[in-house]
N, C-alpha and C. Protein backbone atom coordinates (compact mmCIF):
# COMPACT_ATOMS: atom_id res chain seq x y z
N MET A 1 0.95 -1.43 -0.15
CA MET A 1 0.26 -0.09 0.10
C MET A 1 1.23 0.89 0.15
N PRO A 2 0.24 2.38 -0.97
CA PRO A 2 1.19 3.61 -0.74
C PRO A 2 0.61 4.06 0.93
N GLY A 3 2.33 5.10 0.68
CA GLY A 3 2.38 5.60 2.79
C GLY A 3 0.95 7.19 2.22
N LYS A 4 0.48 7.67 3.29
CA LYS A 4 0.33 9.15 3.01
C LYS A 4 1.14 9.72 2.45
N PRO A 5 0.25 10.82 1.53
CA PRO A 5 0.77 11.15 0.92
C PRO A 5 1.94 12.71 1.58
N GLU A 6 0.92 13.40 2.33
CA GLU A 6 1.50 13.95 3.41
C GLU A 6 2.76 13.57 4.81
N PHE A 7 2.75 12.29 4.15
CA PHE A 7 4.08 11.99 5.73
C PHE A 7 5.05 10.87 4.66
N ALA A 8 4.91 11.00 3.51
CA ALA A 8 5.32 10.21 2.53
C ALA A 8 7.04 10.43 2.61
N ASP A 9 7.06 11.82 2.46
CA ASP A 9 8.95 11.83 2.53
C ASP A 9 8.79 12.60 3.63
N VAL A 10 8.37 12.30 5.19
CA VAL A 10 8.97 12.95 6.00
C VAL A 10 9.70 12.22 6.70
N TYR A 11 10.93 12.80 7.69
CA TYR A 11 11.69 11.36 8.40
C TYR A 11 12.06 11.81 9.70
N VAL A 12 10.69 10.57 10.66
CA VAL A 12 10.67 12.16 12.22
C VAL A 12 12.34 11.16 12.50
N ASN A 13 12.75 11.64 13.34
CA ASN A 13 13.83 11.22 14.32
C ASN A 13 13.38 11.65 15.56
N ALA A 14 12.34 9.90 16.04
CA ALA A 14 12.65 9.42 17.10
C ALA A 14 13.55 9.44 18.04
N SER A 15 14.40 9.33 17.68
CA SER A 15 15.88 8.80 18.72
C SER A 15 16.49 10.13 19.54
N GLN A 16 15.98 10.64 20.18
CA GLN A 16 16.21 11.70 21.12
C GLN A 16 17.00 11.58 22.04
N GLY A 17 18.09 12.64 22.17
CA GLY A 17 19.34 12.20 23.50
C GLY A 17 20.36 11.71 23.11
N GLU A 18 21.38 11.05 24.17
CA GLU A 18 23.01 10.74 23.42
C GLU A 18 22.48 9.95 22.44
N GLY A 19 23.62 9.56 21.55
CA GLY A 19 23.67 9.29 20.50
C GLY A 19 23.22 9.30 19.15
N ASP A 20 22.44 10.51 19.69
CA ASP A 20 21.73 10.71 18.20
C ASP A 20 22.51 11.40 17.30
N MET A 21 21.95 11.17 15.93
CA MET A 21 23.27 11.42 15.21
C MET A 21 22.27 11.27 13.82
N ARG A 22 22.81 12.43 12.78
CA ARG A 22 22.39 12.68 10.95
C ARG A 22 23.15 11.48 10.57
N GLY A 23 23.41 10.77 9.48
CA GLY A 23 23.44 9.72 8.62
C GLY A 23 23.34 9.65 7.05
N PRO A 24 23.97 9.02 6.29
CA PRO A 24 23.17 8.87 5.06
C PRO A 24 21.50 8.46 5.01
N TRP A 25 21.05 7.65 6.22
CA TRP A 25 20.20 7.12 6.17
C TRP A 25 18.55 8.07 6.31
N ASN A 26 19.64 9.50 7.31
CA ASN A 26 18.48 10.53 7.31
C ASN A 26 18.55 12.00 6.72
N SER A 27 19.57 12.43 6.00
CA SER A 27 19.89 13.31 5.33
C SER A 27 19.42 13.67 4.41
N ASP A 28 19.28 12.92 3.25
CA ASP A 28 18.55 12.97 2.28
C ASP A 28 17.90 14.49 2.05
N ASP A 29 17.74 15.40 0.91
CA ASP A 29 17.54 16.34 0.41
C ASP A 29 15.95 16.07 0.16
N ASN A 30 15.95 14.89 -0.63
CA ASN A 30 14.20 14.75 -0.50
C ASN A 30 12.81 14.70 0.31
N PHE A 31 13.63 14.08 1.32
CA PHE A 31 12.72 14.30 2.62
C PHE A 31 12.67 15.33 3.49
N ARG A 32 11.57 15.12 4.64
CA ARG A 32 11.37 17.07 5.35
C ARG A 32 11.62 16.33 6.25
N TYR A 33 13.05 16.19 7.53
CA TYR A 33 13.69 16.01 8.40
C TYR A 33 13.00 16.42 10.20
N VAL A 34 12.05 16.30 10.78
CA VAL A 34 11.75 16.23 11.58
C VAL A 34 12.20 16.04 12.47
N SER A 35 12.58 16.21 13.96
CA SER A 35 13.71 15.72 14.93
C SER A 35 13.31 16.63 15.99
N LYS A 36 11.76 17.47 16.08
CA LYS A 36 11.50 18.45 17.92
C LYS A 36 10.19 17.93 18.13
N ALA A 37 9.95 16.41 19.53
CA ALA A 37 9.57 15.90 19.39
C ALA A 37 7.96 17.01 19.09
N GLU A 38 7.18 18.19 19.58
CA GLU A 38 5.87 18.74 19.07
C GLU A 38 6.31 19.04 17.89
N GLU A 39 6.58 18.72 16.83
CA GLU A 39 6.84 18.56 15.74
C GLU A 39 5.43 17.62 15.61
N PHE A 40 6.03 16.35 15.80
CA PHE A 40 6.07 14.73 14.98
C PHE A 40 4.89 14.08 16.34
N LEU A 41 4.46 14.69 17.43
CA LEU A 41 3.86 14.06 18.39
C LEU A 41 2.12 13.88 17.82
N ALA A 42 1.60 14.73 17.11
CA ALA A 42 0.35 14.61 16.30
C ALA A 42 0.42 15.74 14.95
N MET A 43 1.32 14.49 14.27
CA MET A 43 0.88 15.30 12.78
C MET A 43 -0.04 15.27 11.94
N ASP A 44 -0.67 14.26 12.27
CA ASP A 44 -1.58 14.70 11.69
C ASP A 44 -3.58 15.67 11.75
N GLY A 45 -2.79 16.50 13.16
CA GLY A 45 -3.36 17.52 13.58
C GLY A 45 -4.63 17.34 13.50
N ALA A 46 -4.24 15.98 14.66
CA ALA A 46 -5.23 15.61 15.94
C ALA A 46 -4.16 15.86 17.32
N ASP A 47 -4.83 15.06 18.13
CA ASP A 47 -4.30 15.67 19.40
C ASP A 47 -3.31 14.81 20.33
N GLY A 48 -2.76 14.08 18.67
CA GLY A 48 -1.24 12.91 19.92
C GLY A 48 -2.06 11.84 20.08
N LYS A 49 -3.21 12.00 20.61
CA LYS A 49 -3.31 10.74 21.13
C LYS A 49 -3.66 9.38 20.67
N PRO A 50 -4.08 8.38 20.62
CA PRO A 50 -4.46 7.41 19.93
C PRO A 50 -6.03 7.67 20.52
N SER A 51 -6.89 7.06 18.61
CA SER A 51 -8.32 6.84 18.77
C SER A 51 -8.69 6.19 17.94
N VAL A 52 -9.82 6.01 17.39
CA VAL A 52 -9.98 4.80 16.81
C VAL A 52 -11.78 4.98 15.93
N GLN A 53 -11.53 5.27 14.69
CA GLN A 53 -13.04 5.81 14.23
C GLN A 53 -13.43 4.51 13.27
N LEU A 54 -14.82 4.26 14.17
CA LEU A 54 -15.20 3.03 13.64
C LEU A 54 -16.95 3.41 12.81
N THR A 55 -16.98 2.59 11.84
CA THR A 55 -18.16 2.48 11.04
C THR A 55 -19.09 2.53 12.12
N ALA A 56 -20.75 2.53 11.85
CA ALA A 56 -22.20 1.58 12.59
C ALA A 56 -21.68 0.62 13.17
N GLN A 57 -21.30 -0.33 11.33
CA GLN A 57 -21.06 -1.96 11.89
C GLN A 57 -20.21 -2.38 12.39
N GLU A 58 -19.34 -1.48 12.23
CA GLU A 58 -18.06 -2.11 13.25
C GLU A 58 -18.93 -1.84 15.30
N LYS A 59 -19.05 -0.68 15.19
CA LYS A 59 -19.87 -0.62 16.22
C LYS A 59 -20.57 -1.23 16.59
N GLN A 60 -21.38 -1.86 15.75
CA GLN A 60 -22.58 -2.73 16.63
C GLN A 60 -21.88 -4.23 16.50
N ILE A 61 -21.05 -4.94 15.50
CA ILE A 61 -20.19 -6.20 16.06
C ILE A 61 -19.22 -6.13 17.25
N LEU A 62 -18.90 -5.10 17.65
CA LEU A 62 -18.56 -4.37 18.82
C LEU A 62 -18.70 -4.90 20.12
N GLN A 63 -20.57 -4.22 19.89
CA GLN A 63 -21.07 -4.08 21.37
C GLN A 63 -21.29 -5.53 21.51
N ALA A 64 -21.52 -6.44 19.91
CA ALA A 64 -22.23 -7.70 20.16
C ALA A 64 -21.09 -8.47 21.13
N LEU A 65 -19.99 -8.19 21.08
CA LEU A 65 -18.84 -8.96 21.43
C LEU A 65 -18.86 -8.98 23.00
N LYS A 66 -18.75 -7.14 22.96
CA LYS A 66 -19.03 -7.13 24.25
C LYS A 66 -19.90 -7.84 25.07
N GLN A 67 -21.05 -7.99 24.84
CA GLN A 67 -22.26 -9.17 25.13
C GLN A 67 -21.46 -9.96 25.68
N ARG A 68 -20.98 -10.88 24.17
CA ARG A 68 -20.66 -12.47 24.53
C ARG A 68 -19.09 -12.42 25.53
N THR A 69 -18.82 -11.86 25.70
CA THR A 69 -17.58 -11.97 26.65
C THR A 69 -17.39 -11.03 28.00
N ARG A 70 -18.01 -10.72 27.90
CA ARG A 70 -18.50 -9.99 29.35
C ARG A 70 -17.86 -11.13 30.64
N SER A 71 -18.31 -10.27 32.20
CA SER A 71 -17.66 -10.83 32.83
C SER A 71 -18.64 -11.43 34.10
N ASN A 72 -19.31 -12.66 34.48
CA ASN A 72 -19.94 -12.91 34.87
C ASN A 72 -19.86 -12.63 36.27
N PRO A 73 -19.85 -11.87 37.57
CA PRO A 73 -19.07 -11.32 38.30
C PRO A 73 -19.50 -12.43 39.48
N GLN A 74 -21.38 -12.98 39.34
CA GLN A 74 -21.57 -13.80 39.77
C GLN A 74 -21.41 -15.30 40.25
N GLY A 75 -20.94 -15.39 38.89
CA GLY A 75 -19.96 -16.71 38.36
C GLY A 75 -18.83 -17.10 39.62
N ASN A 76 -18.93 -18.87 39.54
CA ASN A 76 -17.88 -20.02 39.88
C ASN A 76 -17.87 -20.09 39.04
N SER A 77 -17.23 -20.13 37.94
CA SER A 77 -16.38 -21.03 37.20
C SER A 77 -14.64 -20.94 37.96
N LYS A 78 -15.05 -23.12 37.63
CA LYS A 78 -13.47 -23.61 37.32
C LYS A 78 -12.67 -23.35 36.36
N THR A 79 -11.15 -22.22 37.32
CA THR A 79 -9.88 -22.51 36.26
C THR A 79 -9.46 -23.60 36.05
N GLY A 80 -8.57 -23.16 35.16
CA GLY A 80 -7.05 -24.81 35.36
C GLY A 80 -6.83 -25.22 36.37
N GLY A 81 -6.13 -24.34 37.05
CA GLY A 81 -5.72 -24.08 38.41
C GLY A 81 -6.36 -25.54 39.52
N ASP A 82 -8.14 -25.40 39.30
CA ASP A 82 -8.97 -25.64 39.86
C ASP A 82 -9.37 -27.01 39.65
N LEU A 83 -9.13 -27.12 38.10
CA LEU A 83 -9.66 -28.46 37.29
C LEU A 83 -8.69 -29.49 38.00
N GLY A 84 -7.23 -28.73 37.96
CA GLY A 84 -5.87 -29.68 38.64
C GLY A 84 -6.15 -30.17 39.62
N MET A 85 -6.59 -29.66 40.77
CA MET A 85 -6.60 -29.96 41.72
C MET A 85 -7.47 -31.02 42.17
N ASP A 86 -8.36 -31.03 41.26
CA ASP A 86 -9.58 -32.44 41.76
C ASP A 86 -9.12 -33.61 42.07
N GLY A 87 -7.24 -34.01 42.07
CA GLY A 87 -7.37 -34.48 42.48
C GLY A 87 -6.31 -36.16 41.26
N SER A 88 -7.29 -35.96 40.35
CA SER A 88 -6.78 -36.53 39.16
C SER A 88 -5.82 -36.56 38.60
N ALA A 89 -4.96 -35.53 38.93
CA ALA A 89 -3.58 -35.21 37.67
C ALA A 89 -2.52 -36.36 38.54
N ALA A 90 -3.10 -36.56 40.43
CA ALA A 90 -2.23 -37.29 41.83
C ALA A 90 -2.53 -38.04 41.02
N GLN A 91 -3.39 -38.77 40.00
CA GLN A 91 -3.63 -40.01 40.76
C GLN A 91 -2.92 -40.62 40.02
N ARG A 92 -2.83 -39.83 38.49
CA ARG A 92 -1.61 -40.72 37.23
C ARG A 92 -0.30 -40.51 37.57
N MET A 93 -0.08 -40.01 38.18
CA MET A 93 1.41 -39.81 38.60
C MET A 93 1.90 -41.43 39.32
């Protein structure tokens, strides 16, 4: 897949601090070199925090998954540890 055009020619220097250097891999005149953290934290104009955009159908699927996989606080299901403590494992040894 091709890159997003607004970022295709950007080199983001995320290696800040000791040992940070420029070399042939990040000195090409064909791209924009960005080194200040403030410039690359939210390059797409957003707030820099992770976010997800879901379609209405994806939201519906997510809600169904949430219902199917929710915990039952009143439940008392056996865990793998409980199953191993029933004595059958010790009898096989």
